[in-house]
Amino acid sequence: MHWLRNANCSHSLPPWLSVNKDGTWFSNVNQTDVNAVTWEVFPAKEVIQPTIVDAASFLVWKVEAFETWSRGWRKLYPEGDPSTKLLEEVQRNYFLVSLVDNDYINGDMFVVFKDIRND
């Protein structure tokens, strides 16, 4: 996660949160911030279901994601299978990340990845 925390971008980064299986947490927002990401808006109807990303819900998703890899996907492969090893590697060394660009008209969140320079 050092590449995102230490990003050398020519613009501000959109809101992001990250956490690994052990609970190591990095973010560029406060833990009390809330970010609306989906509104499920349909013609001639009110907003049906808002979806938000905040620290509390993200940490719940973290548990679900890592358990899905260990208790769900991993059980599909025999012990020692390359896929099992990959899933174990993801659990040990990867972070679950949420990166949301709320500028849905002029936004380009992929510029974040293009603009990051490794120092």
Protein backbone atom coordinates (compact mmCIF):
# COMPACT_ATOMS: atom_id res chain seq x y z
CA MET A 1 0.00 0.00 0.00
CA HIS A 2 3.00 2.28 0.11
CA TRP A 3 2.51 3.14 -3.56
CA LEU A 4 -0.93 4.61 -2.86
CA ARG A 5 -0.10 6.28 0.45
CA ASN A 6 3.01 7.90 -1.02
CA ALA A 7 1.52 8.63 -4.43
CA ASN A 8 3.23 11.48 -6.21
CA CYS A 9 0.27 12.65 -8.30
CA SER A 10 -0.26 15.94 -10.07
CA HIS A 11 -3.81 16.10 -8.65
CA SER A 12 -5.62 15.12 -5.48
CA LEU A 13 -6.48 11.47 -5.02
CA PRO A 14 -10.13 10.44 -4.79
CA PRO A 15 -11.29 8.95 -1.48
CA TRP A 16 -9.67 5.58 -0.79
CA LEU A 17 -9.59 3.03 2.01
CA SER A 18 -7.49 -0.10 2.37
CA VAL A 19 -7.12 -2.86 4.92
CA ASN A 20 -5.37 -6.23 5.03
CA LYS A 21 -6.57 -9.43 6.69
CA ASP A 22 -4.80 -8.54 9.94
CA GLY A 23 -6.57 -5.16 10.11
CA THR A 24 -3.69 -2.89 9.08
CA TRP A 25 -5.54 0.17 7.83
CA PHE A 26 -4.53 2.98 5.44
CA SER A 27 -6.77 5.69 4.04
CA ASN A 28 -6.88 9.30 2.89
CA VAL A 29 -10.22 9.95 4.64
CA ASN A 30 -11.25 10.14 8.29
CA GLN A 31 -12.76 7.03 9.82
CA THR A 32 -16.00 8.97 10.37
CA ASP A 33 -16.33 10.08 6.71
CA VAL A 34 -19.11 8.59 4.59
CA ASN A 35 -18.94 8.32 0.80
CA ALA A 36 -22.05 7.66 -1.29
CA VAL A 37 -21.18 5.43 -4.23
CA THR A 38 -24.46 4.15 -5.71
CA TRP A 39 -27.91 5.59 -5.77
CA GLU A 40 -29.94 3.14 -7.89
CA VAL A 41 -31.86 5.94 -9.57
CA PHE A 42 -34.52 5.03 -12.13
CA PRO A 43 -36.72 7.31 -14.28
CA ALA A 44 -39.77 8.69 -12.45
CA LYS A 45 -38.77 7.02 -9.17
CA GLU A 46 -37.18 8.12 -5.94
CA VAL A 47 -33.75 6.90 -4.94
CA ILE A 48 -34.30 3.23 -4.21
CA GLN A 49 -31.16 2.10 -2.41
CA PRO A 50 -28.20 4.26 -1.49
CA THR A 51 -24.89 2.49 -1.01
CA ILE A 52 -22.21 4.07 1.11
CA VAL A 53 -18.60 3.33 1.92
CA ASP A 54 -17.42 4.20 5.39
CA ALA A 55 -14.82 2.71 7.71
CA ALA A 56 -17.30 0.53 9.60
CA SER A 57 -18.91 -1.04 6.52
CA PHE A 58 -15.54 -1.40 4.80
CA LEU A 59 -14.19 -3.38 7.76
CA VAL A 60 -17.22 -5.69 7.55
CA TRP A 61 -16.50 -6.19 3.84
CA LYS A 62 -12.90 -6.97 4.76
CA VAL A 63 -14.00 -9.88 6.94
CA GLU A 64 -16.37 -11.14 4.24
CA ALA A 65 -13.76 -10.85 1.49
CA PHE A 66 -10.95 -12.64 3.29
CA GLU A 67 -13.32 -15.34 4.58
CA THR A 68 -14.65 -15.88 1.05
CA TRP A 69 -11.09 -16.50 -0.14
CA SER A 70 -10.21 -18.83 2.75
CA ARG A 71 -13.49 -20.65 3.42
CA GLY A 72 -15.07 -20.47 -0.01
CA TRP A 73 -12.67 -20.39 -2.94
CA ARG A 74 -9.83 -22.21 -1.21
CA LYS A 75 -12.01 -25.27 -0.55
CA LEU A 76 -12.51 -25.72 -4.29
CA TYR A 77 -8.87 -26.73 -4.77
CA PRO A 78 -6.80 -29.57 -3.29
CA GLU A 79 -4.03 -28.78 -0.82
CA GLY A 80 -0.86 -27.74 -2.65
CA ASP A 81 -2.72 -26.71 -5.82
CA PRO A 82 -1.30 -23.51 -7.40
CA SER A 83 -4.71 -21.84 -6.99
CA THR A 84 -4.70 -22.61 -3.26
CA LYS A 85 -1.22 -21.15 -2.97
CA LEU A 86 -2.34 -18.01 -4.82
CA LEU A 87 -5.33 -17.54 -2.50
CA GLU A 88 -3.08 -17.96 0.55
CA GLU A 89 -0.65 -15.42 -0.93
CA VAL A 90 -3.47 -12.91 -1.44
CA GLN A 91 -4.59 -13.35 2.15
CA ARG A 92 -1.10 -12.87 3.55
CA ASN A 93 0.13 -10.01 1.40
CA TYR A 94 -2.69 -8.09 -0.25
CA PHE A 95 -5.05 -5.34 0.81
CA LEU A 96 -8.73 -4.91 0.11
CA VAL A 97 -9.03 -1.45 -1.48
CA SER A 98 -11.91 0.91 -2.18
CA LEU A 99 -11.07 3.82 -4.49
CA VAL A 100 -14.04 5.94 -5.58
CA ASP A 101 -14.03 8.91 -7.94
CA ASN A 102 -17.28 10.77 -7.32
CA ASP A 103 -16.79 13.06 -10.31
CA TYR A 104 -18.85 10.88 -12.62
CA ILE A 105 -19.01 13.56 -15.33
CA ASN A 106 -15.39 14.67 -15.65
CA GLY A 107 -13.63 12.16 -13.44
CA ASP A 108 -10.87 9.80 -14.50
CA MET A 109 -9.81 7.64 -11.59
CA PHE A 110 -7.48 5.65 -13.81
CA VAL A 111 -5.23 8.70 -14.08
CA VAL A 112 -4.33 7.90 -10.47
CA PHE A 113 -2.61 4.73 -11.63
CA LYS A 114 -1.03 6.39 -14.67
CA ASP A 115 0.26 9.34 -12.65
CA ILE A 116 1.80 7.49 -9.72
CA ARG A 117 5.56 7.50 -9.84
CA ASN A 118 7.63 5.09 -7.80
CA ASP A 119 10.36 6.95 -5.96
